[in-house]
């Protein structure tokens, strides 16, 4: 579940059981719990932001063993003690997404009276960003031009297979001692270490995308330590992870076709046809041409996929993608396409780190088919009905066919011990399809589901939809949740689709663009 787009304008599971450190170890750890020494690290946008670090066990079953360091951020509360509600931990997704900047964004975007009640806490999960060690298995792994992701010939298939196998082997060589501890349950136990270091009996938690699964797992481990739980754009906990990725293929294809329909609507601007099928045909013709001659020596067929996939996450990118598409289709002009690739798809060292953690966590978290024939069969079947992302997504995850660690069994996140949780889901979300929100709503007893009807963006709160944000603010203020009779407890209208750019200086929504730049890599 990925987002690569740059900001524009601006304890373990063993054999299916959850293992928590024994009581004696927990008591000893509590007696020795360090606090966080905060120091100023504010920016122009987030002047009150503070930073700190926390040492946690590499293996939470052995708290006296090796240690790693988590990087933390904080915007302190400003409300009176009587209104203070404790820490609010925020997470942007991934796995592999850095959450340090998200704390500043959430604290500055929530209504002031709401944010004032919380210490908003961001963190880089284990392996990520400024936490140490931060892993990077194969620097430059996504450097262009990669083999065409669609393995139309045995040569292409073998080239892609060799590539993903070499990535897994590089991870094994460099991080053999760390990989067995990069998983969601270990990251969830880190959250509890943060809670202890903050001196809080309970925490609140607000997350997007993969962060929703991380939060659900933490809530399963420690239901009595949850004050408020907000999950936005929800991972289907019943499909972790192979089935969830196959589900994405169909949802992203639908979302790509929504973009084609939007471009057709503005034929007077883009001149690519008024029939969405005609526009889609031209898009695949562009892809075929780039497979033969990459634009600017950088954007081949696979890089074109990468460039347009962020449009499935956030429709604020559509005008930029449409302009690049139109420019190429009319005279093979490549400058806008290369610029779009640089803005939305090019992977820098932080992206290399994010992808390395993504692969490590997903491959460790759950069982994946080890037989490539199963992947081939399933990917071609998906491609027949949903060609846009099927093979790109397959190769993105295929390192799991030869991952060097054993796999765990995901915990059942069903939970009847929580205070009411608040869930947000768009009906046309591609990265975390709608059924994930419905499944989590069913499994988290007493939860409330707020649906953005017809919305297709991934990450929908604090992005400009007043209806959604009002529900979020009410919940964080005093725990108020909506109650309905159907699957959804409340329904909000979708945020309107964007308009074509009127000038080159035109921009997407500032809040939406900033948020989607912060959401985790494959998020």
Protein backbone atom coordinates (compact mmCIF):
# COMPACT_ATOMS: atom_id res chain seq x y z
CA UNK A 1 0.00 0.00 0.00
CA UNK A 2 2.07 2.83 -1.24
CA UNK A 3 2.27 6.55 -1.64
CA UNK A 4 5.37 7.97 -3.26
CA UNK A 5 4.04 11.40 -4.21
CA UNK A 6 5.99 14.46 -3.13
CA UNK A 7 4.11 17.30 -1.49
CA UNK A 8 3.05 19.83 -4.09
CA UNK A 9 3.15 23.54 -3.25
CA UNK A 10 4.15 23.73 -0.20
CA UNK A 11 6.33 -9.03 21.34
CA UNK A 12 5.61 -11.42 18.46
CA UNK A 13 2.88 -13.60 16.97
CA UNK A 14 3.82 -17.25 17.17
CA UNK A 15 1.60 -20.03 15.77
CA UNK A 16 -1.32 -17.63 15.73
CA UNK A 17 -1.16 -16.60 19.39
CA UNK A 18 -0.19 -13.15 20.64
CA UNK A 19 2.76 -13.36 23.02
CA UNK A 20 3.11 -10.56 25.59
CA UNK A 21 6.20 -10.33 27.82
CA UNK A 22 5.72 -12.22 31.09
CA UNK A 23 4.44 -10.28 34.10
CA UNK A 24 7.82 -10.30 35.85
CA UNK A 25 9.53 -8.83 32.80
CA UNK A 26 6.79 -6.24 32.42
CA UNK A 27 7.10 -5.18 36.06
CA UNK A 28 10.87 -4.96 35.83
CA UNK A 29 10.67 -2.93 32.62
CA UNK A 30 8.14 -0.56 34.22
CA UNK A 31 10.47 0.08 37.13
CA UNK A 32 13.27 0.94 34.72
CA UNK A 33 11.22 2.87 32.14
CA UNK A 34 13.13 5.86 30.77
CA UNK A 35 11.48 9.17 30.06
CA UNK A 36 11.88 11.17 26.86
CA UNK A 37 14.12 14.24 26.91
CA UNK A 38 12.41 16.68 24.56
CA UNK A 39 14.24 19.41 22.71
CA UNK A 40 13.07 22.09 20.31
CA UNK A 41 13.07 21.14 16.61
CA UNK A 42 10.36 23.42 15.31
CA UNK A 43 10.05 24.65 11.75
CA UNK A 44 8.33 27.59 10.13
CA UNK A 45 5.21 25.50 9.63
CA UNK A 46 5.32 23.79 13.03
CA UNK A 47 7.17 26.12 15.41
CA UNK A 48 6.24 24.30 18.64
CA UNK A 49 7.42 20.88 17.47
CA UNK A 50 9.79 19.06 19.80
CA UNK A 51 11.94 15.97 19.18
CA UNK A 52 13.26 13.16 21.33
CA UNK A 53 14.41 9.55 21.27
CA UNK A 54 13.59 6.40 23.17
CA UNK A 55 15.47 3.12 23.49
CA UNK A 56 13.32 0.00 23.23
CA UNK A 57 14.14 -3.73 23.14
CA UNK A 58 14.91 -5.18 19.73
CA UNK A 59 13.07 -8.28 20.98
CA UNK A 60 10.29 -7.43 23.42
CA UNK A 61 10.34 -11.01 24.72
CA UNK A 62 13.88 -10.30 25.91
CA UNK A 63 13.75 -6.77 27.35
CA UNK A 64 17.24 -7.09 28.78
CA UNK A 65 18.78 -7.86 25.38
CA UNK A 66 19.76 -5.63 22.47
CA UNK A 67 18.24 -2.18 22.16
CA UNK A 68 17.18 -0.01 19.23
CA UNK A 69 16.22 3.66 19.20
CA UNK A 70 12.93 5.24 18.16
CA UNK A 71 12.77 8.84 16.98
CA UNK A 72 9.81 10.78 18.40
CA UNK A 73 8.21 14.18 17.89
CA UNK A 74 5.73 16.13 19.99
CA UNK A 75 3.50 19.17 19.90
CA UNK A 76 2.68 19.77 23.58
CA UNK A 77 -0.85 20.39 24.81
CA UNK A 78 -1.82 23.92 25.79
CA UNK A 79 -5.15 23.28 27.52
CA UNK A 80 -5.63 23.47 31.26
CA UNK A 81 -5.03 20.33 33.27
CA UNK A 82 -8.77 19.77 33.64
CA UNK A 83 -9.17 19.53 29.85
CA UNK A 84 -5.95 17.60 29.09
CA UNK A 85 -6.59 14.15 27.56
CA UNK A 86 -3.08 12.75 27.36
CA UNK A 87 -0.94 11.68 24.40
CA UNK A 88 -2.38 11.30 20.89
CA UNK A 89 -0.03 9.11 18.84
CA UNK A 90 -0.27 9.56 15.08
CA UNK A 91 0.94 7.32 12.28
CA UNK A 92 0.88 7.91 8.48
CA UNK A 93 0.97 4.29 7.31
CA UNK A 94 3.39 2.33 5.20
CA UNK A 95 4.74 0.16 6.66
CA UNK A 96 7.81 2.33 6.33
CA UNK A 97 6.25 5.78 6.69
CA UNK A 98 7.88 8.42 8.88
CA UNK A 99 5.49 9.98 11.37
CA UNK A 100 7.63 12.79 12.74
CA UNK A 101 6.15 15.50 10.52
CA UNK A 102 2.61 14.18 10.85
CA UNK A 103 2.50 15.30 14.49
CA UNK A 104 2.96 18.92 13.44
CA UNK A 105 0.39 18.61 10.67
CA UNK A 106 -2.27 17.02 12.88
CA UNK A 107 -1.74 19.49 15.71
CA UNK A 108 -1.97 22.47 13.36
CA UNK A 109 -4.92 21.15 11.31
CA UNK A 110 -7.25 19.98 14.06
CA UNK A 111 -9.42 22.76 15.56
CA UNK A 112 -7.26 24.62 18.08
CA UNK A 113 -9.50 23.76 21.02
CA UNK A 114 -9.24 20.07 20.15
CA UNK A 115 -5.48 19.94 19.52
CA UNK A 116 -4.90 21.87 22.75
CA UNK A 117 -6.22 18.89 24.76
CA UNK A 118 -3.50 16.49 23.59
CA UNK A 119 0.22 16.04 23.38
CA UNK A 120 0.34 15.07 19.70
CA UNK A 121 3.10 12.48 19.33
CA UNK A 122 4.71 11.41 16.06
CA UNK A 123 7.20 8.59 15.71
CA UNK A 124 9.37 6.79 13.22
CA UNK A 125 8.61 3.08 13.71
CA UNK A 126 11.47 0.65 14.11
CA UNK A 127 13.72 0.61 11.06
CA UNK A 128 12.34 3.89 9.69
CA UNK A 129 13.84 7.30 9.07
CA UNK A 130 15.58 8.79 12.10
CA UNK A 131 15.07 5.69 14.22
CA UNK A 132 18.16 3.49 14.45
CA UNK A 133 19.04 1.27 12.86
CA UNK A 134 17.29 2.58 9.75
CA UNK A 135 17.46 -0.08 7.08
CA UNK A 136 18.18 0.35 3.39
CA UNK A 137 18.68 -2.99 1.71
CA UNK A 138 19.49 -1.86 -1.83
CA UNK A 139 20.06 1.87 -2.41
CA UNK A 140 18.84 2.88 -5.84
CA UNK A 141 16.58 -0.15 -6.17
CA UNK A 142 13.98 1.92 -8.04
CA UNK A 143 16.42 3.82 -10.24
CA UNK A 144 15.16 4.07 -13.83
CA UNK A 145 14.82 2.46 -16.23
CA UNK A 146 13.53 -0.82 -14.79
CA UNK A 147 12.31 -3.80 -16.83
CA UNK A 148 8.72 -3.54 -18.01
CA UNK A 149 6.61 -4.83 -15.13
CA UNK A 150 4.29 -6.74 -17.48
CA UNK A 151 6.26 -9.95 -18.20
CA UNK A 152 5.11 -10.37 -21.77
CA UNK A 153 8.21 -12.47 -22.54
CA UNK A 154 10.18 -15.04 -20.52
CA UNK A 155 13.16 -12.66 -20.65
CA UNK A 156 11.18 -9.91 -18.92
CA UNK A 157 9.83 -12.31 -16.33
CA UNK A 158 13.29 -13.58 -15.47
CA UNK A 159 14.71 -10.05 -15.33
CA UNK A 160 12.07 -9.03 -12.81
CA UNK A 161 12.44 -12.22 -10.81
CA UNK A 162 16.20 -11.78 -10.59
CA UNK A 163 15.70 -8.21 -9.46
CA UNK A 164 13.35 -9.02 -6.55
CA UNK A 165 15.41 -12.01 -5.47
CA UNK A 166 18.55 -9.87 -5.37
CA UNK A 167 16.72 -7.37 -3.16
CA UNK A 168 15.76 -10.08 -0.66
CA UNK A 169 19.31 -11.40 -0.69
CA UNK A 170 20.70 -7.92 -0.03
CA UNK A 171 18.41 -7.54 2.98
CA UNK A 172 19.58 -10.91 4.29
CA UNK A 173 23.24 -9.93 3.97
CA UNK A 174 22.92 -6.53 5.62
CA UNK A 175 20.26 -7.00 8.29
CA UNK A 176 20.13 -10.64 9.32
CA UNK A 177 20.06 -9.73 13.02
CA UNK A 178 17.28 -7.14 12.61
CA UNK A 179 14.82 -8.62 10.09
CA UNK A 180 13.25 -11.15 12.52
CA UNK A 181 12.07 -8.20 14.62
CA UNK A 182 10.61 -6.00 11.92
CA UNK A 183 6.93 -6.85 12.14
CA UNK A 184 3.67 -5.25 13.18
CA UNK A 185 3.41 -6.82 16.62
CA UNK A 186 6.92 -5.69 17.54
CA UNK A 187 6.05 -2.18 16.35
CA UNK A 188 2.86 -2.31 18.43
CA UNK A 189 4.88 -3.23 21.51
CA UNK A 190 7.09 -0.23 20.75
CA UNK A 191 3.97 1.93 21.00
CA UNK A 192 3.43 0.64 24.51
CA UNK A 193 7.04 1.45 25.36
CA UNK A 194 6.33 5.01 24.18
CA UNK A 195 3.22 5.11 26.36
CA UNK A 196 5.23 4.07 29.39
CA UNK A 197 7.98 6.59 28.68
CA UNK A 198 5.37 9.33 28.44
CA UNK A 199 4.03 8.34 31.85
CA UNK A 200 0.53 7.80 30.49
CA UNK A 201 -1.90 5.16 31.75
CA UNK A 202 -3.72 5.29 28.40
CA UNK A 203 -3.06 6.77 24.97
CA UNK A 204 -5.16 7.93 22.07
CA UNK A 205 -4.18 6.81 18.58
CA UNK A 206 -4.98 8.30 15.17
CA UNK A 207 -3.66 6.70 11.99
CA UNK A 208 -4.05 6.28 8.28
CA UNK A 209 -3.70 3.24 6.01
CA UNK A 210 -1.27 0.59 7.35
CA UNK A 211 -1.26 2.60 10.56
CA UNK A 212 -4.86 1.45 11.07
CA UNK A 213 -3.70 -2.16 11.20
CA UNK A 214 -0.85 -1.27 13.54
CA UNK A 215 -3.36 0.47 15.80
CA UNK A 216 -5.81 -2.43 15.72
CA UNK A 217 -3.01 -4.83 16.68
CA UNK A 218 -1.92 -2.54 19.54
CA UNK A 219 -5.53 -2.36 20.72
CA UNK A 220 -5.72 -6.16 20.67
CA UNK A 221 -2.57 -6.45 22.78
CA UNK A 222 -3.51 -3.68 25.23
CA UNK A 223 -7.23 -2.82 25.05
CA UNK A 224 -7.18 -1.28 28.52
CA UNK A 225 -4.58 1.25 27.41
CA UNK A 226 -6.71 2.89 24.70
CA UNK A 227 -8.48 6.19 25.37
CA UNK A 228 -9.52 7.14 21.82
CA UNK A 229 -8.92 5.16 18.60
CA UNK A 230 -9.30 6.77 15.15
CA UNK A 231 -8.66 4.68 12.02
CA UNK A 232 -8.78 6.34 8.59
CA UNK A 233 -8.62 4.36 5.31
CA UNK A 234 -8.59 0.96 6.86
CA UNK A 235 -6.56 -2.12 6.00
CA UNK A 236 -8.70 -5.24 5.67
CA UNK A 237 -7.39 -7.25 8.64
CA UNK A 238 -8.74 -10.47 7.15
CA UNK A 239 -6.51 -10.31 4.07
CA UNK A 240 -3.06 -9.58 5.48
CA UNK A 241 -1.13 -9.36 3.20
CA UNK A 242 -1.27 -11.37 -0.04
CA UNK A 243 -5.03 -11.19 -0.49
CA UNK A 244 -5.12 -7.50 0.37
CA UNK A 245 -2.62 -6.75 -2.38
CA UNK A 246 -4.66 -8.71 -4.93
CA UNK A 247 -7.73 -6.72 -3.90
CA UNK A 248 -5.80 -3.53 -4.55
CA UNK A 249 -5.26 -4.52 -8.18
CA UNK A 250 -8.97 -4.32 -8.97
CA UNK A 251 -9.58 -1.19 -6.90
CA UNK A 252 -6.67 0.71 -8.47
CA UNK A 253 -7.85 -0.25 -11.93
CA UNK A 254 -11.25 1.24 -11.13
CA UNK A 255 -9.61 4.37 -9.79
CA UNK A 256 -7.41 4.70 -12.88
CA UNK A 257 -10.52 4.49 -15.02
CA UNK A 258 -12.06 7.24 -12.88
CA UNK A 259 -9.10 9.39 -13.89
CA UNK A 260 -9.66 8.49 -17.54
CA UNK A 261 -13.32 9.51 -17.16
CA UNK A 262 -12.29 12.80 -15.57
CA UNK A 263 -9.88 13.52 -18.44
CA UNK A 264 -12.64 12.74 -20.96
CA UNK A 265 -14.92 15.18 -19.16
CA UNK A 266 -12.38 17.92 -19.86
CA UNK A 267 -11.69 17.02 -23.47
CA UNK A 268 -11.71 20.71 -24.37
CA UNK A 269 -8.62 21.09 -22.17
CA UNK A 270 -6.70 17.88 -22.77
CA UNK A 271 -7.96 16.91 -26.25
CA UNK A 272 -7.65 13.19 -25.59
CA UNK A 273 -11.23 12.31 -26.45
CA UNK A 274 -14.60 12.58 -24.79
CA UNK A 275 -15.06 8.81 -24.45
CA UNK A 276 -13.25 7.38 -21.39
CA UNK A 277 -12.48 4.15 -23.24
CA UNK A 278 -10.82 6.16 -26.00
CA UNK A 279 -8.72 8.01 -23.41
CA UNK A 280 -7.74 4.74 -21.74
CA UNK A 281 -6.68 3.27 -25.08
CA UNK A 282 -4.41 6.27 -25.63
CA UNK A 283 -2.93 5.83 -22.16
CA UNK A 284 -1.96 2.23 -22.89
CA UNK A 285 -0.57 3.32 -26.25
CA UNK A 286 1.62 5.81 -24.38
CA UNK A 287 2.76 3.02 -22.10
CA UNK A 288 3.69 0.79 -25.04
CA UNK A 289 5.64 3.62 -26.65
CA UNK A 290 7.55 4.36 -23.44
CA UNK A 291 8.45 0.68 -23.10
CA UNK A 292 10.34 1.08 -26.38
CA UNK A 293 11.72 4.59 -25.81
CA UNK A 294 11.66 5.95 -22.25
CA UNK A 295 10.86 9.63 -21.91
CA UNK A 296 13.97 11.61 -21.09
CA UNK A 297 15.83 8.34 -20.54
CA UNK A 298 13.93 8.00 -17.24
CA UNK A 299 10.26 7.18 -17.74
CA UNK A 300 9.77 3.73 -19.19
CA UNK A 301 6.66 1.58 -18.87
CA UNK A 302 7.24 0.69 -15.21
CA UNK A 303 8.06 4.29 -14.30
CA UNK A 304 4.86 5.42 -16.03
CA UNK A 305 2.92 3.02 -13.80
CA UNK A 306 4.69 4.46 -10.77
CA UNK A 307 3.86 8.01 -11.87
CA UNK A 308 0.14 7.40 -12.26
CA UNK A 309 -0.39 5.14 -9.23
CA UNK A 310 -0.39 8.16 -6.86
CA UNK A 311 -3.42 9.40 -8.79
CA UNK A 312 -5.21 6.41 -7.29
CA UNK A 313 -4.41 7.73 -3.84
CA UNK A 314 -5.31 11.38 -4.30
CA UNK A 315 -7.29 13.10 -7.04
CA UNK A 316 -5.51 16.38 -6.36
CA UNK A 317 -2.74 14.98 -8.58
CA UNK A 318 -5.06 14.38 -11.55
CA UNK A 319 -4.59 17.77 -13.27
CA UNK A 320 -0.80 17.35 -13.28
CA UNK A 321 -1.00 13.79 -14.57
CA UNK A 322 -3.51 14.79 -17.25
CA UNK A 323 -1.29 17.61 -18.49
CA UNK A 324 1.70 15.27 -18.72
CA UNK A 325 -0.37 12.65 -20.55
CA UNK A 326 -1.75 15.21 -22.98
CA UNK A 327 1.64 16.72 -23.73
CA UNK A 328 3.09 13.32 -24.56
CA UNK A 329 0.09 12.26 -26.63
CA UNK A 330 0.31 15.46 -28.70
CA UNK A 331 3.76 15.49 -30.22
CA UNK A 332 5.62 13.19 -27.82
CA UNK A 333 6.61 16.13 -25.61
CA UNK A 334 8.28 14.57 -22.58
CA UNK A 335 9.17 17.42 -20.20
CA UNK A 336 5.89 17.38 -18.25
CA UNK A 337 5.95 13.59 -18.01
CA UNK A 338 9.50 13.58 -16.63
CA UNK A 339 8.51 16.33 -14.17
CA UNK A 340 5.50 14.31 -13.02
CA UNK A 341 7.73 11.28 -12.54
CA UNK A 342 10.14 13.34 -10.45
CA UNK A 343 7.30 14.74 -8.33
CA UNK A 344 5.26 11.60 -7.81
CA UNK A 345 7.40 8.54 -8.37
CA UNK A 346 11.15 9.10 -8.14
CA UNK A 347 12.53 7.39 -5.03
CA UNK A 348 15.14 9.14 -2.90
CA UNK A 349 17.13 7.58 -0.01
CA UNK A 350 14.20 8.04 2.39
CA UNK A 351 12.05 6.17 -0.13
CA UNK A 352 14.62 3.38 -0.33
CA UNK A 353 14.44 3.13 3.46
CA UNK A 354 10.64 3.19 3.42
CA UNK A 355 10.43 0.43 0.85
CA UNK A 356 12.96 -1.71 2.72
CA UNK A 357 10.86 -1.49 5.89
CA UNK A 358 7.69 -2.07 3.88
CA UNK A 359 9.09 -5.31 2.46
CA UNK A 360 10.57 -6.43 5.77
CA UNK A 361 7.33 -5.97 7.71
CA UNK A 362 4.94 -7.35 5.11
CA UNK A 363 7.09 -10.37 4.32
CA UNK A 364 7.55 -11.17 8.01
CA UNK A 365 3.99 -10.43 9.15
CA UNK A 366 2.17 -13.19 7.30
CA UNK A 367 2.55 -16.18 5.03
CA UNK A 368 3.09 -15.54 1.31
CA UNK A 369 3.14 -18.10 -1.49
CA UNK A 370 6.73 -19.27 -1.97
CA UNK A 371 5.92 -20.90 -5.29
CA UNK A 372 6.32 -18.32 -8.07
CA UNK A 373 3.85 -20.27 -10.19
CA UNK A 374 1.08 -19.22 -7.78
CA UNK A 375 2.02 -15.55 -8.15
CA UNK A 376 2.15 -15.88 -11.93
CA UNK A 377 -1.28 -17.48 -12.06
CA UNK A 378 -2.90 -14.95 -9.73
CA UNK A 379 -1.24 -11.92 -11.31
CA UNK A 380 -2.21 -12.85 -14.86
CA UNK A 381 -5.77 -13.51 -13.67
CA UNK A 382 -5.88 -10.04 -12.11
CA UNK A 383 -4.26 -8.50 -15.19
CA UNK A 384 -6.96 -9.91 -17.46
CA UNK A 385 -9.61 -7.87 -15.63
CA UNK A 386 -7.54 -5.09 -14.07
CA UNK A 387 -4.37 -4.43 -16.07
CA UNK A 388 -3.37 -1.05 -14.66
CA UNK A 389 -1.46 -2.11 -11.53
CA UNK A 390 -1.62 -5.92 -11.37
CA UNK A 391 1.94 -6.68 -12.39
CA UNK A 392 3.51 -3.56 -10.92
CA UNK A 393 1.97 -4.54 -7.58
CA UNK A 394 3.09 -8.16 -7.93
CA UNK A 395 6.74 -7.22 -8.39
CA UNK A 396 6.48 -4.66 -5.60
CA UNK A 397 5.75 -7.50 -3.19
CA UNK A 398 7.49 -10.42 -4.84
CA UNK A 399 10.59 -10.25 -2.66
CA UNK A 400 8.40 -12.14 -0.19
CA UNK A 401 8.80 -15.26 -2.36
CA UNK A 402 12.39 -15.58 -1.12
CA UNK A 403 12.36 -13.54 2.09
CA UNK A 404 15.06 -14.71 4.51
CA UNK A 405 12.93 -14.88 7.68
CA UNK A 406 10.17 -17.22 8.75
CA UNK A 407 6.65 -15.82 8.70
CA UNK A 408 4.24 -15.12 11.52
CA UNK A 409 0.51 -15.60 11.76
CA UNK A 410 -1.44 -12.34 11.99
CA UNK A 411 -3.39 -11.84 15.20
CA UNK A 412 -7.17 -11.80 15.14
CA UNK A 413 -7.91 -8.13 15.81
CA UNK A 414 -11.51 -8.82 16.92
CA UNK A 415 -11.99 -6.82 20.08
CA UNK A 416 -14.86 -6.38 22.51
CA UNK A 417 -12.86 -4.66 25.24
CA UNK A 418 -12.32 -1.23 23.67
CA UNK A 419 -14.03 2.08 24.20
CA UNK A 420 -15.95 3.13 21.05
CA UNK A 421 -13.55 3.57 18.12
CA UNK A 422 -14.17 5.93 15.19
CA UNK A 423 -13.51 4.60 11.68
CA UNK A 424 -13.37 6.54 8.40
CA UNK A 425 -13.57 4.99 4.94
CA UNK A 426 -14.16 6.22 1.39
CA UNK A 427 -16.27 3.91 -0.75
CA UNK A 428 -13.89 4.08 -3.75
CA UNK A 429 -10.55 4.03 -1.93
CA UNK A 430 -8.08 2.01 -4.00
CA UNK A 431 -5.21 1.45 -1.57
CA UNK A 432 -7.45 0.16 1.23
CA UNK A 433 -10.70 -0.88 -0.45
CA UNK A 434 -14.04 -0.26 1.22
CA UNK A 435 -14.50 -3.80 2.50
CA UNK A 436 -11.56 -3.25 4.87
CA UNK A 437 -13.48 -0.56 6.72
CA UNK A 438 -16.55 -2.76 6.90
CA UNK A 439 -14.53 -5.71 8.21
CA UNK A 440 -12.82 -3.63 10.89
CA UNK A 441 -16.17 -2.13 11.90
CA UNK A 442 -17.54 -5.64 12.38
CA UNK A 443 -14.52 -6.85 14.35
CA UNK A 444 -14.17 -3.82 16.66
CA UNK A 445 -17.27 -4.07 18.80
CA UNK A 446 -18.92 -0.75 19.53
CA UNK A 447 -17.05 1.10 16.77
CA UNK A 448 -18.69 3.68 14.51
CA UNK A 449 -18.05 3.86 10.77
CA UNK A 450 -18.18 7.18 8.90
CA UNK A 451 -18.29 6.74 5.14
CA UNK A 452 -17.36 9.22 2.43
CA UNK A 453 -19.86 8.20 -0.25
CA UNK A 454 -18.28 8.18 -3.71
CA UNK A 455 -14.94 9.35 -2.40
CA UNK A 456 -11.83 7.79 -3.87
CA UNK A 457 -9.02 9.42 -1.95
CA UNK A 458 -6.90 7.48 0.52
CA UNK A 459 -6.64 9.38 3.78
CA UNK A 460 -9.80 11.48 4.03
CA UNK A 461 -9.83 13.28 7.36
CA UNK A 462 -7.98 16.60 7.76
CA UNK A 463 -7.99 16.92 3.98
CA UNK A 464 -10.73 19.47 3.49
CA UNK A 465 -14.00 17.55 3.99
CA UNK A 466 -15.82 19.49 6.72
CA UNK A 467 -18.36 16.73 7.38
CA UNK A 468 -15.66 14.16 8.10
CA UNK A 469 -13.59 16.59 10.14
CA UNK A 470 -16.56 17.55 12.30
CA UNK A 471 -17.03 13.91 13.31
CA UNK A 472 -13.30 13.65 14.07
CA UNK A 473 -13.30 16.81 16.19
CA UNK A 474 -16.38 15.76 18.17
CA UNK A 475 -14.85 12.38 18.94
CA UNK A 476 -11.49 13.75 20.02
CA UNK A 477 -13.22 16.35 22.17
CA UNK A 478 -15.38 14.09 24.30
CA UNK A 479 -15.72 10.67 22.65
CA UNK A 480 -18.93 11.44 20.74
CA UNK A 481 -19.56 8.98 17.90
CA UNK A 482 -22.44 8.75 15.42
CA UNK A 483 -24.82 5.80 15.53
CA UNK A 484 -26.77 4.52 12.52
CA UNK A 485 -28.93 1.58 11.56
CA UNK A 486 -27.01 0.37 8.50
CA UNK A 487 -23.42 -0.57 7.74
CA UNK A 488 -22.41 3.07 8.04
CA UNK A 489 -23.17 5.08 11.15
CA UNK A 490 -22.81 8.35 9.23
CA UNK A 491 -22.37 9.25 5.56
CA UNK A 492 -20.60 12.31 4.19
CA UNK A 493 -20.59 13.63 0.65
CA UNK A 494 -17.30 13.23 -1.14
CA UNK A 495 -14.85 16.06 -1.61
CA UNK A 496 -15.40 17.43 -5.14
CA UNK A 497 -13.01 16.34 -7.87
CA UNK A 498 -10.46 18.94 -8.95
CA UNK A 499 -10.66 21.21 -11.97
CA UNK A 500 -7.98 21.46 -14.67
CA UNK A 501 -5.13 23.80 -13.88
CA UNK A 502 -5.91 27.30 -15.05
CA UNK A 503 -2.25 28.33 -14.87
CA UNK A 504 1.04 26.59 -14.22
CA UNK A 505 1.06 28.25 -10.81
CA UNK A 506 -2.24 26.66 -9.84
CA UNK A 507 -2.07 24.15 -7.03
CA UNK A 508 -4.05 21.44 -5.33
CA UNK A 509 -5.71 21.96 -1.95
CA UNK A 510 -2.97 22.91 0.48
CA UNK A 511 -4.22 20.65 3.27
CA UNK A 512 -4.90 17.71 0.98
CA UNK A 513 -1.58 18.05 -0.78
CA UNK A 514 0.34 18.34 2.47
CA UNK A 515 -1.40 15.34 4.02
CA UNK A 516 -0.85 13.12 1.01
CA UNK A 517 2.79 14.06 0.94
CA UNK A 518 3.06 12.85 4.53
CA UNK A 519 1.23 9.55 4.19
CA UNK A 520 3.46 6.53 4.36
CA UNK A 521 5.38 4.93 1.53
CA UNK A 522 2.95 2.48 -0.02
CA UNK A 523 0.73 3.81 2.62
